[in-house]
PDB file of N, CA and C in Angstrom:
ATOM      1  N   MET A   1     -34.894  -9.144 -43.620  1.00  0.00           N
ATOM      2  CA  MET A   1     -33.622  -9.416 -42.974  1.00  0.00           C
ATOM      3  C   MET A   1     -33.888 -10.270 -41.746  1.00  0.00           C
ATOM      4  N   SER A   2     -33.150 -11.343 -41.608  1.00  0.00           N
ATOM      5  CA  SER A   2     -33.341 -12.221 -40.463  1.00  0.00           C
ATOM      6  C   SER A   2     -32.047 -12.313 -39.665  1.00  0.00           C
ATOM      7  N   LEU A   3     -32.199 -12.605 -38.388  1.00  0.00           N
ATOM      8  CA  LEU A   3     -31.058 -12.761 -37.505  1.00  0.00           C
ATOM      9  C   LEU A   3     -30.822 -14.244 -37.307  1.00  0.00           C
ATOM     10  N   SER A   4     -29.665 -14.690 -37.692  1.00  0.00           N
ATOM     11  CA  SER A   4     -29.345 -16.100 -37.527  1.00  0.00           C
ATOM     12  C   SER A   4     -28.589 -16.299 -36.226  1.00  0.00           C
ATOM     13  N   ILE A   5     -28.427 -17.538 -35.845  1.00  0.00           N
ATOM     14  CA  ILE A   5     -27.653 -17.874 -34.652  1.00  0.00           C
ATOM     15  C   ILE A   5     -26.217 -17.403 -34.811  1.00  0.00           C
ATOM     16  N   ASP A   6     -25.684 -17.467 -36.034  1.00  0.00           N
ATOM     17  CA  ASP A   6     -24.323 -17.009 -36.285  1.00  0.00           C
ATOM     18  C   ASP A   6     -24.187 -15.524 -35.985  1.00  0.00           C
ATOM     19  N   GLY A   7     -25.260 -14.775 -36.164  1.00  0.00           N
ATOM     20  CA  GLY A   7     -25.237 -13.345 -35.875  1.00  0.00           C
ATOM     21  C   GLY A   7     -25.049 -13.053 -34.403  1.00  0.00           C
ATOM     22  N   MET A   8     -25.372 -13.999 -33.551  1.00  0.00           N
ATOM     23  CA  MET A   8     -25.235 -13.797 -32.115  1.00  0.00           C
ATOM     24  C   MET A   8     -23.769 -13.694 -31.698  1.00  0.00           C
ATOM     25  N   SER A   9     -22.866 -14.337 -32.446  1.00  0.00           N
ATOM     26  CA  SER A   9     -21.449 -14.240 -32.076  1.00  0.00           C
ATOM     27  C   SER A   9     -20.957 -12.806 -32.240  1.00  0.00           C
ATOM     28  N   ALA A  10     -21.417 -12.120 -33.274  1.00  0.00           N
ATOM     29  CA  ALA A  10     -21.043 -10.722 -33.457  1.00  0.00           C
ATOM     30  C   ALA A  10     -21.613  -9.880 -32.315  1.00  0.00           C
ATOM     31  N   PHE A  11     -22.837 -10.194 -31.920  1.00  0.00           N
ATOM     32  CA  PHE A  11     -23.490  -9.509 -30.801  1.00  0.00           C
ATOM     33  C   PHE A  11     -22.676  -9.701 -29.523  1.00  0.00           C
ATOM     34  N   ASN A  12     -22.242 -10.927 -29.269  1.00  0.00           N
ATOM     35  CA  ASN A  12     -21.432 -11.222 -28.085  1.00  0.00           C
ATOM     36  C   ASN A  12     -20.094 -10.494 -28.119  1.00  0.00           C
ATOM     37  N   ASP A  13     -19.483 -10.385 -29.315  1.00  0.00           N
ATOM     38  CA  ASP A  13     -18.215  -9.672 -29.457  1.00  0.00           C
ATOM     39  C   ASP A  13     -18.389  -8.191 -29.110  1.00  0.00           C
ATOM     40  N   ILE A  14     -19.500  -7.615 -29.524  1.00  0.00           N
ATOM     41  CA  ILE A  14     -19.776  -6.215 -29.224  1.00  0.00           C
ATOM     42  C   ILE A  14     -19.912  -6.017 -27.726  1.00  0.00           C
ATOM     43  N   ILE A  15     -20.643  -6.919 -27.083  1.00  0.00           N
ATOM     44  CA  ILE A  15     -20.861  -6.819 -25.642  1.00  0.00           C
ATOM     45  C   ILE A  15     -19.550  -6.972 -24.889  1.00  0.00           C
ATOM     46  N   ALA A  16     -18.762  -7.972 -25.251  1.00  0.00           N
ATOM     47  CA  ALA A  16     -17.487  -8.202 -24.575  1.00  0.00           C
ATOM     48  C   ALA A  16     -16.549  -7.023 -24.786  1.00  0.00           C
ATOM     49  N   GLY A  17     -16.597  -6.433 -25.959  1.00  0.00           N
ATOM     50  CA  GLY A  17     -15.743  -5.291 -26.247  1.00  0.00           C
ATOM     51  C   GLY A  17     -16.158  -4.036 -25.508  1.00  0.00           C
ATOM     52  N   SER A  18     -17.425  -3.925 -25.099  1.00  0.00           N
ATOM     53  CA  SER A  18     -17.882  -2.712 -24.434  1.00  0.00           C
ATOM     54  C   SER A  18     -17.236  -2.534 -23.078  1.00  0.00           C
ATOM     55  N   ALA A  19     -16.993  -3.621 -22.349  1.00  0.00           N
ATOM     56  CA  ALA A  19     -16.337  -3.510 -21.043  1.00  0.00           C
ATOM     57  C   ALA A  19     -14.903  -3.048 -21.212  1.00  0.00           C
ATOM     58  N   THR A  20     -14.218  -3.595 -22.210  1.00  0.00           N
ATOM     59  CA  THR A  20     -12.843  -3.202 -22.472  1.00  0.00           C
ATOM     60  C   THR A  20     -12.784  -1.762 -22.940  1.00  0.00           C
ATOM     61  N   SER A  21     -13.706  -1.367 -23.824  1.00  0.00           N
ATOM     62  CA  SER A  21     -13.675   0.001 -24.331  1.00  0.00           C
ATOM     63  C   SER A  21     -14.013   1.001 -23.243  1.00  0.00           C
ATOM     64  N   LYS A  22     -14.874   0.633 -22.298  1.00  0.00           N
ATOM     65  CA  LYS A  22     -15.197   1.537 -21.197  1.00  0.00           C
ATOM     66  C   LYS A  22     -13.970   1.761 -20.325  1.00  0.00           C
ATOM     67  N   ALA A  23     -13.242   0.694 -20.020  1.00  0.00           N
ATOM     68  CA  ALA A  23     -12.024   0.814 -19.220  1.00  0.00           C
ATOM     69  C   ALA A  23     -10.963   1.608 -19.979  1.00  0.00           C
ATOM     70  N   ASP A  24     -10.826   1.345 -21.276  1.00  0.00           N
ATOM     71  CA  ASP A  24      -9.856   2.076 -22.088  1.00  0.00           C
ATOM     72  C   ASP A  24     -10.214   3.556 -22.171  1.00  0.00           C
ATOM     73  N   SER A  25     -11.501   3.847 -22.300  1.00  0.00           N
ATOM     74  CA  SER A  25     -11.963   5.226 -22.366  1.00  0.00           C
ATOM     75  C   SER A  25     -11.656   5.965 -21.079  1.00  0.00           C
ATOM     76  N   LEU A  26     -11.932   5.323 -19.962  1.00  0.00           N
ATOM     77  CA  LEU A  26     -11.653   5.935 -18.661  1.00  0.00           C
ATOM     78  C   LEU A  26     -10.154   6.140 -18.482  1.00  0.00           C
ATOM     79  N   SER A  27      -9.372   5.154 -18.852  1.00  0.00           N
ATOM     80  CA  SER A  27      -7.915   5.250 -18.744  1.00  0.00           C
ATOM     81  C   SER A  27      -7.381   6.378 -19.628  1.00  0.00           C
ATOM     82  N   GLY A  28      -7.880   6.448 -20.842  1.00  0.00           N
ATOM     83  CA  GLY A  28      -7.455   7.501 -21.761  1.00  0.00           C
ATOM     84  C   GLY A  28      -7.828   8.881 -21.256  1.00  0.00           C
ATOM     85  N   LYS A  29      -9.008   8.988 -20.681  1.00  0.00           N
ATOM     86  CA  LYS A  29      -9.461  10.260 -20.144  1.00  0.00           C
ATOM     87  C   LYS A  29      -8.561  10.713 -18.996  1.00  0.00           C
ATOM     88  N   LEU A  30      -8.170   9.778 -18.152  1.00  0.00           N
ATOM     89  CA  LEU A  30      -7.327  10.114 -17.005  1.00  0.00           C
ATOM     90  C   LEU A  30      -5.909  10.481 -17.430  1.00  0.00           C
ATOM     91  N   GLU A  31      -5.380   9.788 -18.444  1.00  0.00           N
ATOM     92  CA  GLU A  31      -4.003  10.022 -18.866  1.00  0.00           C
ATOM     93  C   GLU A  31      -3.854  11.234 -19.780  1.00  0.00           C
ATOM     94  N   ALA A  32      -4.861  11.527 -20.587  1.00  0.00           N
ATOM     95  CA  ALA A  32      -4.724  12.545 -21.624  1.00  0.00           C
ATOM     96  C   ALA A  32      -5.081  13.948 -21.149  1.00  0.00           C
ATOM     97  N   THR A  33      -5.626  14.080 -19.984  1.00  0.00           N
ATOM     98  CA  THR A  33      -6.117  15.372 -19.548  1.00  0.00           C
ATOM     99  C   THR A  33      -5.274  15.929 -18.411  1.00  0.00           C
ATOM    100  N   ASP A  34      -4.976  17.205 -18.507  1.00  0.00           N
ATOM    101  CA  ASP A  34      -4.280  17.905 -17.427  1.00  0.00           C
ATOM    102  C   ASP A  34      -5.355  18.480 -16.510  1.00  0.00           C
ATOM    103  N   TYR A  35      -5.547  17.834 -15.380  1.00  0.00           N
ATOM    104  CA  TYR A  35      -6.618  18.237 -14.475  1.00  0.00           C
ATOM    105  C   TYR A  35      -6.231  19.396 -13.575  1.00  0.00           C
ATOM    106  N   SER A  36      -5.031  19.937 -13.728  1.00  0.00           N
ATOM    107  CA  SER A  36      -4.644  21.082 -12.910  1.00  0.00           C
ATOM    108  C   SER A  36      -5.450  22.330 -13.286  1.00  0.00           C
ATOM    109  N   LYS A  37      -6.011  22.349 -14.492  1.00  0.00           N
ATOM    110  CA  LYS A  37      -6.812  23.476 -14.940  1.00  0.00           C
ATOM    111  C   LYS A  37      -8.295  23.115 -15.037  1.00  0.00           C
ATOM    112  N   ALA A  38      -8.662  21.985 -14.492  1.00  0.00           N
ATOM    113  CA  ALA A  38     -10.052  21.530 -14.577  1.00  0.00           C
ATOM    114  C   ALA A  38     -10.932  22.279 -13.586  1.00  0.00           C
ATOM    115  N   SER A  39     -12.176  22.435 -13.969  1.00  0.00           N
ATOM    116  CA  SER A  39     -13.131  23.036 -13.038  1.00  0.00           C
ATOM    117  C   SER A  39     -13.528  21.992 -11.999  1.00  0.00           C
ATOM    118  N   ASP A  40     -14.126  22.449 -10.918  1.00  0.00           N
ATOM    119  CA  ASP A  40     -14.576  21.526  -9.880  1.00  0.00           C
ATOM    120  C   ASP A  40     -15.557  20.501 -10.445  1.00  0.00           C
ATOM    121  N   ASP A  41     -16.457  20.956 -11.317  1.00  0.00           N
ATOM    122  CA  ASP A  41     -17.450  20.047 -11.896  1.00  0.00           C
ATOM    123  C   ASP A  41     -16.801  18.987 -12.772  1.00  0.00           C
ATOM    124  N   GLU A  42     -15.811  19.386 -13.580  1.00  0.00           N
ATOM    125  CA  GLU A  42     -15.117  18.430 -14.442  1.00  0.00           C
ATOM    126  C   GLU A  42     -14.364  17.400 -13.616  1.00  0.00           C
ATOM    127  N   LEU A  43     -13.689  17.875 -12.593  1.00  0.00           N
ATOM    128  CA  LEU A  43     -12.920  16.980 -11.734  1.00  0.00           C
ATOM    129  C   LEU A  43     -13.828  15.997 -11.008  1.00  0.00           C
ATOM    130  N   MET A  44     -14.949  16.493 -10.483  1.00  0.00           N
ATOM    131  CA  MET A  44     -15.884  15.618  -9.782  1.00  0.00           C
ATOM    132  C   MET A  44     -16.501  14.597 -10.741  1.00  0.00           C
ATOM    133  N   GLN A  45     -16.777  15.003 -11.986  1.00  0.00           N
ATOM    134  CA  GLN A  45     -17.367  14.066 -12.950  1.00  0.00           C
ATOM    135  C   GLN A  45     -16.399  12.930 -13.262  1.00  0.00           C
ATOM    136  N   VAL A  46     -15.126  13.220 -13.399  1.00  0.00           N
ATOM    137  CA  VAL A  46     -14.130  12.172 -13.644  1.00  0.00           C
ATOM    138  C   VAL A  46     -14.069  11.225 -12.455  1.00  0.00           C
ATOM    139  N   CYS A  47     -14.120  11.783 -11.259  1.00  0.00           N
ATOM    140  CA  CYS A  47     -14.089  10.957 -10.046  1.00  0.00           C
ATOM    141  C   CYS A  47     -15.329  10.072  -9.959  1.00  0.00           C
ATOM    142  N   LYS A  48     -16.484  10.618 -10.335  1.00  0.00           N
ATOM    143  CA  LYS A  48     -17.724   9.825 -10.327  1.00  0.00           C
ATOM    144  C   LYS A  48     -17.673   8.732 -11.388  1.00  0.00           C
ATOM    145  N   ASP A  49     -17.098   9.046 -12.547  1.00  0.00           N
ATOM    146  CA  ASP A  49     -16.956   8.035 -13.598  1.00  0.00           C
ATOM    147  C   ASP A  49     -16.093   6.875 -13.109  1.00  0.00           C
ATOM    148  N   PHE A  50     -14.996   7.219 -12.431  1.00  0.00           N
ATOM    149  CA  PHE A  50     -14.122   6.173 -11.903  1.00  0.00           C
ATOM    150  C   PHE A  50     -14.852   5.344 -10.851  1.00  0.00           C
ATOM    151  N   GLU A  51     -15.534   6.008  -9.929  1.00  0.00           N
ATOM    152  CA  GLU A  51     -16.246   5.286  -8.878  1.00  0.00           C
ATOM    153  C   GLU A  51     -17.329   4.392  -9.481  1.00  0.00           C
ATOM    154  N   SER A  52     -18.047   4.894 -10.463  1.00  0.00           N
ATOM    155  CA  SER A  52     -19.092   4.107 -11.115  1.00  0.00           C
ATOM    156  C   SER A  52     -18.509   2.851 -11.751  1.00  0.00           C
ATOM    157  N   TYR A  53     -17.371   2.998 -12.443  1.00  0.00           N
ATOM    158  CA  TYR A  53     -16.731   1.840 -13.063  1.00  0.00           C
ATOM    159  C   TYR A  53     -16.269   0.847 -11.992  1.00  0.00           C
ATOM    160  N   PHE A  54     -15.680   1.358 -10.918  1.00  0.00           N
ATOM    161  CA  PHE A  54     -15.204   0.508  -9.833  1.00  0.00           C
ATOM    162  C   PHE A  54     -16.358  -0.255  -9.190  1.00  0.00           C
ATOM    163  N   VAL A  55     -17.444   0.439  -8.879  1.00  0.00           N
ATOM    164  CA  VAL A  55     -18.606  -0.195  -8.246  1.00  0.00           C
ATOM    165  C   VAL A  55     -19.227  -1.220  -9.189  1.00  0.00           C
ATOM    166  N   GLU A  56     -19.273  -0.899 -10.469  1.00  0.00           N
ATOM    167  CA  GLU A  56     -19.791  -1.856 -11.458  1.00  0.00           C
ATOM    168  C   GLU A  56     -18.978  -3.141 -11.450  1.00  0.00           C
ATOM    169  N   GLN A  57     -17.652  -3.026 -11.391  1.00  0.00           N
ATOM    170  CA  GLN A  57     -16.804  -4.216 -11.368  1.00  0.00           C
ATOM    171  C   GLN A  57     -17.016  -5.022 -10.084  1.00  0.00           C
ATOM    172  N   VAL A  58     -17.229  -4.336  -8.972  1.00  0.00           N
ATOM    173  CA  VAL A  58     -17.518  -5.028  -7.711  1.00  0.00           C
ATOM    174  C   VAL A  58     -18.835  -5.784  -7.823  1.00  0.00           C
ATOM    175  N   PHE A  59     -19.860  -5.133  -8.371  1.00  0.00           N
ATOM    176  CA  PHE A  59     -21.165  -5.790  -8.542  1.00  0.00           C
ATOM    177  C   PHE A  59     -21.049  -7.019  -9.443  1.00  0.00           C
ATOM    178  N   LYS A  60     -20.289  -6.894 -10.523  1.00  0.00           N
ATOM    179  CA  LYS A  60     -20.125  -8.027 -11.434  1.00  0.00           C
ATOM    180  C   LYS A  60     -19.385  -9.180 -10.758  1.00  0.00           C
ATOM    181  N   ALA A  61     -18.386  -8.850  -9.937  1.00  0.00           N
ATOM    182  CA  ALA A  61     -17.678  -9.899  -9.205  1.00  0.00           C
ATOM    183  C   ALA A  61     -18.609 -10.582  -8.213  1.00  0.00           C
ATOM    184  N   MET A  62     -19.473  -9.809  -7.578  1.00  0.00           N
ATOM    185  CA  MET A  62     -20.441 -10.392  -6.645  1.00  0.00           C
ATOM    186  C   MET A  62     -21.417 -11.300  -7.383  1.00  0.00           C
ATOM    187  N   GLU A  63     -21.828 -10.875  -8.574  1.00  0.00           N
ATOM    188  CA  GLU A  63     -22.772 -11.654  -9.365  1.00  0.00           C
ATOM    189  C   GLU A  63     -22.171 -13.002  -9.783  1.00  0.00           C
ATOM    190  N   LYS A  64     -20.865 -13.025 -10.030  1.00  0.00           N
ATOM    191  CA  LYS A  64     -20.196 -14.275 -10.410  1.00  0.00           C
ATOM    192  C   LYS A  64     -20.188 -15.285  -9.270  1.00  0.00           C
ATOM    193  N   MET A  65     -20.368 -14.805  -8.056  1.00  0.00           N
ATOM    194  CA  MET A  65     -20.375 -15.696  -6.893  1.00  0.00           C
ATOM    195  C   MET A  65     -21.670 -16.516  -6.803  1.00  0.00           C
ATOM    196  N   VAL A  66     -22.699 -16.081  -7.527  1.00  0.00           N
ATOM    197  CA  VAL A  66     -23.960 -16.811  -7.534  1.00  0.00           C
ATOM    198  C   VAL A  66     -23.807 -18.006  -8.469  1.00  0.00           C
ATOM    199  N   PRO A  67     -24.081 -19.218  -7.976  1.00  0.00           N
ATOM    200  CA  PRO A  67     -23.918 -20.404  -8.827  1.00  0.00           C
ATOM    201  C   PRO A  67     -24.852 -20.371 -10.039  1.00  0.00           C
ATOM    202  N   GLU A  68     -24.317 -20.802 -11.169  1.00  0.00           N
ATOM    203  CA  GLU A  68     -25.120 -20.870 -12.391  1.00  0.00           C
ATOM    204  C   GLU A  68     -25.930 -22.159 -12.405  1.00  0.00           C
ATOM    205  N   LYS A  69     -27.050 -22.102 -13.099  1.00  0.00           N
ATOM    206  CA  LYS A  69     -27.848 -23.312 -13.284  1.00  0.00           C
ATOM    207  C   LYS A  69     -27.116 -24.210 -14.278  1.00  0.00           C
ATOM    208  N   GLU A  70     -27.229 -25.490 -14.084  1.00  0.00           N
ATOM    209  CA  GLU A  70     -26.512 -26.435 -14.950  1.00  0.00           C
ATOM    210  C   GLU A  70     -27.023 -26.430 -16.384  1.00  0.00           C
ATOM    211  N   ASP A  71     -28.292 -26.094 -16.604  1.00  0.00           N
ATOM    212  CA  ASP A  71     -28.850 -26.149 -17.948  1.00  0.00           C
ATOM    213  C   ASP A  71     -28.503 -24.923 -18.791  1.00  0.00           C
ATOM    214  N   GLU A  72     -27.841 -23.918 -18.216  1.00  0.00           N
ATOM    215  CA  GLU A  72     -27.481 -22.726 -18.974  1.00  0.00           C
ATOM    216  C   GLU A  72     -26.197 -22.961 -19.758  1.00  0.00           C
ATOM    217  N   GLY A  73     -26.148 -22.410 -20.953  1.00  0.00           N
ATOM    218  CA  GLY A  73     -24.953 -22.518 -21.775  1.00  0.00           C
ATOM    219  C   GLY A  73     -23.909 -21.504 -21.362  1.00  0.00           C
ATOM    220  N   SER A  74     -22.754 -21.583 -21.981  1.00  0.00           N
ATOM    221  CA  SER A  74     -21.668 -20.672 -21.619  1.00  0.00           C
ATOM    222  C   SER A  74     -21.674 -19.399 -22.455  1.00  0.00           C
ATOM    223  N   SER A  75     -22.489 -19.336 -23.521  1.00  0.00           N
ATOM    224  CA  SER A  75     -22.503 -18.134 -24.351  1.00  0.00           C
ATOM    225  C   SER A  75     -23.393 -17.064 -23.720  1.00  0.00           C
ATOM    226  N   MET A  76     -23.071 -15.821 -24.029  1.00  0.00           N
ATOM    227  CA  MET A  76     -23.810 -14.700 -23.459  1.00  0.00           C
ATOM    228  C   MET A  76     -25.140 -14.539 -24.178  1.00  0.00           C
ATOM    229  N   SER A  77     -26.203 -14.497 -23.438  1.00  0.00           N
ATOM    230  CA  SER A  77     -27.523 -14.340 -24.025  1.00  0.00           C
ATOM    231  C   SER A  77     -27.955 -12.883 -23.953  1.00  0.00           C
ATOM    232  N   THR A  78     -29.060 -12.593 -24.582  1.00  0.00           N
ATOM    233  CA  THR A  78     -29.615 -11.245 -24.531  1.00  0.00           C
ATOM    234  C   THR A  78     -29.932 -10.849 -23.102  1.00  0.00           C
ATOM    235  N   LEU A  79     -30.418 -11.798 -22.317  1.00  0.00           N
ATOM    236  CA  LEU A  79     -30.723 -11.521 -20.914  1.00  0.00           C
ATOM    237  C   LEU A  79     -29.471 -11.090 -20.159  1.00  0.00           C
ATOM    238  N   GLU A  80     -28.339 -11.754 -20.417  1.00  0.00           N
ATOM    239  CA  GLU A  80     -27.086 -11.375 -19.764  1.00  0.00           C
ATOM    240  C   GLU A  80     -26.639  -9.992 -20.201  1.00  0.00           C
ATOM    241  N   TYR A  81     -26.875  -9.645 -21.469  1.00  0.00           N
ATOM    242  CA  TYR A  81     -26.529  -8.308 -21.959  1.00  0.00           C
ATOM    243  C   TYR A  81     -27.295  -7.251 -21.178  1.00  0.00           C
ATOM    244  N   PHE A  82     -28.591  -7.457 -21.026  1.00  0.00           N
ATOM    245  CA  PHE A  82     -29.390  -6.483 -20.298  1.00  0.00           C
ATOM    246  C   PHE A  82     -29.069  -6.514 -18.810  1.00  0.00           C
ATOM    247  N   SER A  83     -28.624  -7.643 -18.306  1.00  0.00           N
ATOM    248  CA  SER A  83     -28.176  -7.730 -16.924  1.00  0.00           C
ATOM    249  C   SER A  83     -26.943  -6.855 -16.721  1.00  0.00           C
ATOM    250  N   ASP A  84     -26.036  -6.863 -17.694  1.00  0.00           N
ATOM    251  CA  ASP A  84     -24.858  -5.996 -17.628  1.00  0.00           C
ATOM    252  C   ASP A  84     -25.265  -4.524 -17.638  1.00  0.00           C
ATOM    253  N   MET A  85     -26.229  -4.187 -18.470  1.00  0.00           N
ATOM    254  CA  MET A  85     -26.707  -2.804 -18.518  1.00  0.00           C
ATOM    255  C   MET A  85     -27.353  -2.409 -17.195  1.00  0.00           C
ATOM    256  N   LEU A  86     -28.098  -3.328 -16.601  1.00  0.00           N
ATOM    257  CA  LEU A  86     -28.728  -3.062 -15.315  1.00  0.00           C
ATOM    258  C   LEU A  86     -27.675  -2.869 -14.231  1.00  0.00           C
ATOM    259  N   THR A  87     -26.627  -3.673 -14.256  1.00  0.00           N
ATOM    260  CA  THR A  87     -25.533  -3.538 -13.294  1.00  0.00           C
ATOM    261  C   THR A  87     -24.864  -2.175 -13.441  1.00  0.00           C
ATOM    262  N   GLN A  88     -24.659  -1.730 -14.674  1.00  0.00           N
ATOM    263  CA  GLN A  88     -24.082  -0.401 -14.904  1.00  0.00           C
ATOM    264  C   GLN A  88     -24.984   0.683 -14.322  1.00  0.00           C
ATOM    265  N   GLU A  89     -26.277   0.527 -14.514  1.00  0.00           N
ATOM    266  CA  GLU A  89     -27.229   1.520 -14.004  1.00  0.00           C
ATOM    267  C   GLU A  89     -27.256   1.523 -12.481  1.00  0.00           C
ATOM    268  N   TYR A  90     -27.211   0.349 -11.868  1.00  0.00           N
ATOM    269  CA  TYR A  90     -27.140   0.271 -10.404  1.00  0.00           C
ATOM    270  C   TYR A  90     -25.893   0.986  -9.894  1.00  0.00           C
ATOM    271  N   ALA A  91     -24.766   0.754 -10.548  1.00  0.00           N
ATOM    272  CA  ALA A  91     -23.512   1.383 -10.137  1.00  0.00           C
ATOM    273  C   ALA A  91     -23.607   2.899 -10.265  1.00  0.00           C
ATOM    274  N   SER A  92     -24.148   3.390 -11.369  1.00  0.00           N
ATOM    275  CA  SER A  92     -24.286   4.835 -11.568  1.00  0.00           C
ATOM    276  C   SER A  92     -25.197   5.451 -10.512  1.00  0.00           C
ATOM    277  N   ASN A  93     -26.305   4.786 -10.211  1.00  0.00           N
ATOM    278  CA  ASN A  93     -27.229   5.297  -9.196  1.00  0.00           C
ATOM    279  C   ASN A  93     -26.600   5.301  -7.807  1.00  0.00           C
ATOM    280  N   ALA A  94     -25.834   4.278  -7.492  1.00  0.00           N
ATOM    281  CA  ALA A  94     -25.162   4.223  -6.189  1.00  0.00           C
ATOM    282  C   ALA A  94     -24.172   5.373  -6.053  1.00  0.00           C
ATOM    283  N   VAL A  95     -23.479   5.693  -7.125  1.00  0.00           N
ATOM    284  CA  VAL A  95     -22.519   6.791  -7.104  1.00  0.00           C
ATOM    285  C   VAL A  95     -23.236   8.125  -6.944  1.00  0.00           C
ATOM    286  N   GLU A  96     -24.331   8.318  -7.671  1.00  0.00           N
ATOM    287  CA  GLU A  96     -25.073   9.575  -7.581  1.00  0.00           C
ATOM    288  C   GLU A  96     -25.662   9.789  -6.189  1.00  0.00           C
ATOM    289  N   GLN A  97     -26.002   8.712  -5.500  1.00  0.00           N
ATOM    290  CA  GLN A  97     -26.543   8.827  -4.151  1.00  0.00           C
ATOM    291  C   GLN A  97     -25.445   9.033  -3.116  1.00  0.00           C
ATOM    292  N   GLY A  98     -24.198   8.871  -3.522  1.00  0.00           N
ATOM    293  CA  GLY A  98     -23.079   9.050  -2.603  1.00  0.00           C
ATOM    294  C   GLY A  98     -22.961   7.914  -1.606  1.00  0.00           C
ATOM    295  N   SER A  99     -23.423   6.739  -1.979  1.00  0.00           N
ATOM    296  CA  SER A  99     -23.441   5.598  -1.068  1.00  0.00           C
ATOM    297  C   SER A  99     -22.060   5.154  -0.619  1.00  0.00           C
ATOM    298  N   PHE A 100     -21.069   5.276  -1.487  1.00  0.00           N
ATOM    299  CA  PHE A 100     -19.752   4.741  -1.189  1.00  0.00           C
ATOM    300  C   PHE A 100     -18.742   5.813  -0.791  1.00  0.00           C
ATOM    301  N   GLY A 101     -18.812   6.979  -1.403  1.00  0.00           N
ATOM    302  CA  GLY A 101     -17.918   8.070  -1.049  1.00  0.00           C
ATOM    303  C   GLY A 101     -16.542   8.007  -1.685  1.00  0.00           C
ATOM    304  N   ILE A 102     -16.336   7.078  -2.594  1.00  0.00           N
ATOM    305  CA  ILE A 102     -15.027   6.955  -3.243  1.00  0.00           C
ATOM    306  C   ILE A 102     -14.739   8.192  -4.101  1.00  0.00           C
ATOM    307  N   ALA A 103     -15.739   8.662  -4.834  1.00  0.00           N
ATOM    308  CA  ALA A 103     -15.547   9.821  -5.717  1.00  0.00           C
ATOM    309  C   ALA A 103     -15.150  11.059  -4.915  1.00  0.00           C
ATOM    310  N   GLU A 104     -15.786  11.269  -3.771  1.00  0.00           N
ATOM    311  CA  GLU A 104     -15.467  12.439  -2.955  1.00  0.00           C
ATOM    312  C   GLU A 104     -14.030  12.374  -2.429  1.00  0.00           C
ATOM    313  N   GLN A 105     -13.613  11.194  -1.976  1.00  0.00           N
ATOM    314  CA  GLN A 105     -12.242  11.028  -1.483  1.00  0.00           C
ATOM    315  C   GLN A 105     -11.230  11.229  -2.609  1.00  0.00           C
ATOM    316  N   LEU A 106     -11.511  10.664  -3.775  1.00  0.00           N
ATOM    317  CA  LEU A 106     -10.635  10.815  -4.927  1.00  0.00           C
ATOM    318  C   LEU A 106     -10.575  12.279  -5.372  1.00  0.00           C
ATOM    319  N   TYR A 107     -11.716  12.930  -5.353  1.00  0.00           N
ATOM    320  CA  TYR A 107     -11.818  14.339  -5.726  1.00  0.00           C
ATOM    321  C   TYR A 107     -10.938  15.198  -4.813  1.00  0.00           C
ATOM    322  N   GLU A 108     -11.043  15.002  -3.521  1.00  0.00           N
ATOM    323  CA  GLU A 108     -10.239  15.778  -2.562  1.00  0.00           C
ATOM    324  C   GLU A 108      -8.743  15.511  -2.761  1.00  0.00           C
ATOM    325  N   GLN A 109      -8.383  14.252  -3.013  1.00  0.00           N
ATOM    326  CA  GLN A 109      -6.976  13.913  -3.236  1.00  0.00           C
ATOM    327  C   GLN A 109      -6.454  14.548  -4.523  1.00  0.00           C
ATOM    328  N   MET A 110      -7.254  14.527  -5.585  1.00  0.00           N
ATOM    329  CA  MET A 110      -6.829  15.123  -6.851  1.00  0.00           C
ATOM    330  C   MET A 110      -6.681  16.635  -6.708  1.00  0.00           C
ATOM    331  N   LYS A 111      -7.560  17.270  -5.948  1.00  0.00           N
ATOM    332  CA  LYS A 111      -7.441  18.711  -5.727  1.00  0.00           C
ATOM    333  C   LYS A 111      -6.132  19.035  -5.014  1.00  0.00           C
ATOM    334  N   ARG A 112      -5.766  18.200  -4.033  1.00  0.00           N
ATOM    335  CA  ARG A 112      -4.491  18.419  -3.337  1.00  0.00           C
ATOM    336  C   ARG A 112      -3.314  18.184  -4.273  1.00  0.00           C
ATOM    337  N   ASN A 113      -3.376  17.113  -5.064  1.00  0.00           N
ATOM    338  CA  ASN A 113      -2.268  16.780  -5.975  1.00  0.00           C
ATOM    339  C   ASN A 113      -2.057  17.842  -7.042  1.00  0.00           C
ATOM    340  N   TYR A 114      -3.143  18.411  -7.549  1.00  0.00           N
ATOM    341  CA  TYR A 114      -3.056  19.424  -8.609  1.00  0.00           C
ATOM    342  C   TYR A 114      -3.052  20.844  -8.056  1.00  0.00           C
ATOM    343  N   SER A 115      -3.054  20.987  -6.731  1.00  0.00           N
ATOM    344  CA  SER A 115      -3.045  22.300  -6.070  1.00  0.00           C
ATOM    345  C   SER A 115      -4.167  23.193  -6.580  1.00  0.00           C
ATOM    346  N   ILE A 116      -5.352  22.648  -6.659  1.00  0.00           N
ATOM    347  CA  ILE A 116      -6.521  23.404  -7.098  1.00  0.00           C
ATOM    348  C   ILE A 116      -7.112  24.086  -5.865  1.00  0.00           C
ATOM    349  N   PRO A 117      -7.278  25.411  -5.924  1.00  0.00           N
ATOM    350  CA  PRO A 117      -7.808  26.114  -4.752  1.00  0.00           C
ATOM    351  C   PRO A 117      -9.263  25.750  -4.509  1.00  0.00           C
ATOM    352  N   GLU A 118      -9.687  25.904  -3.274  1.00  0.00           N
ATOM    353  CA  GLU A 118     -11.078  25.656  -2.885  1.00  0.00           C
ATOM    354  C   GLU A 118     -11.980  26.607  -3.652  1.00  0.00           C
ATOM    355  N   ALA A 119     -13.138  26.133  -4.066  1.00  0.00           N
ATOM    356  CA  ALA A 119     -14.115  26.969  -4.750  1.00  0.00           C
ATOM    357  C   ALA A 119     -14.713  27.948  -3.755  1.00  0.00           C
ATOM    358  N   GLU A 120     -14.932  29.167  -4.236  1.00  0.00           N
ATOM    359  CA  GLU A 120     -15.510  30.182  -3.363  1.00  0.00           C
ATOM    360  C   GLU A 120     -17.005  29.967  -3.248  1.00  0.00           C
ATOM    361  N   GLU A 121     -17.526  30.089  -2.042  1.00  0.00           N
ATOM    362  CA  GLU A 121     -18.960  29.968  -1.806  1.00  0.00           C
ATOM    363  C   GLU A 121     -19.641  31.236  -2.265  1.00  0.00           C
ATOM    364  N   SER A 122     -20.770  31.119  -2.945  1.00  0.00           N
ATOM    365  CA  SER A 122     -21.478  32.328  -3.398  1.00  0.00           C
ATOM    366  C   SER A 122     -22.763  32.525  -2.662  1.00  0.00           C
TER     367      SER A 122
END
C-alpha cells in the first residue's frame, strides 16, 4: 500500500475537521449537561477543557502573526499537523499549571450560577 499525493488531501480534511469537532464537542458538552448536579471534579474538568481550548486558540492566533516563508505552499503539511498537536499540548500544560486562571474563575461562576454548595474539607 502506498500513499499518494492525492491521499494528503484526505489527511488535510481530517486535520481541518479536528478543530471543528473539538469545538463542537465542547459546545455539545456544555449544552447537553445539567451541571447543577455535577461534582466539583466534573465541573472543574469542564472549566479546564474550556480554558485549554481558549488558550489553544490564542496560541494559534499568535502563531499566525509570524510571517511565513515565501517558498512554503499553502497546503497543510505533516509538520503543521504536529505543530497543531504541540500547540494543543502547550495549552493543556498551561491550564494544568494554572498559569491563566480562567478555569478557576469560570468554575467559581458556574458554582454560583448552579447554586452548588462549597465542598466540605476533610
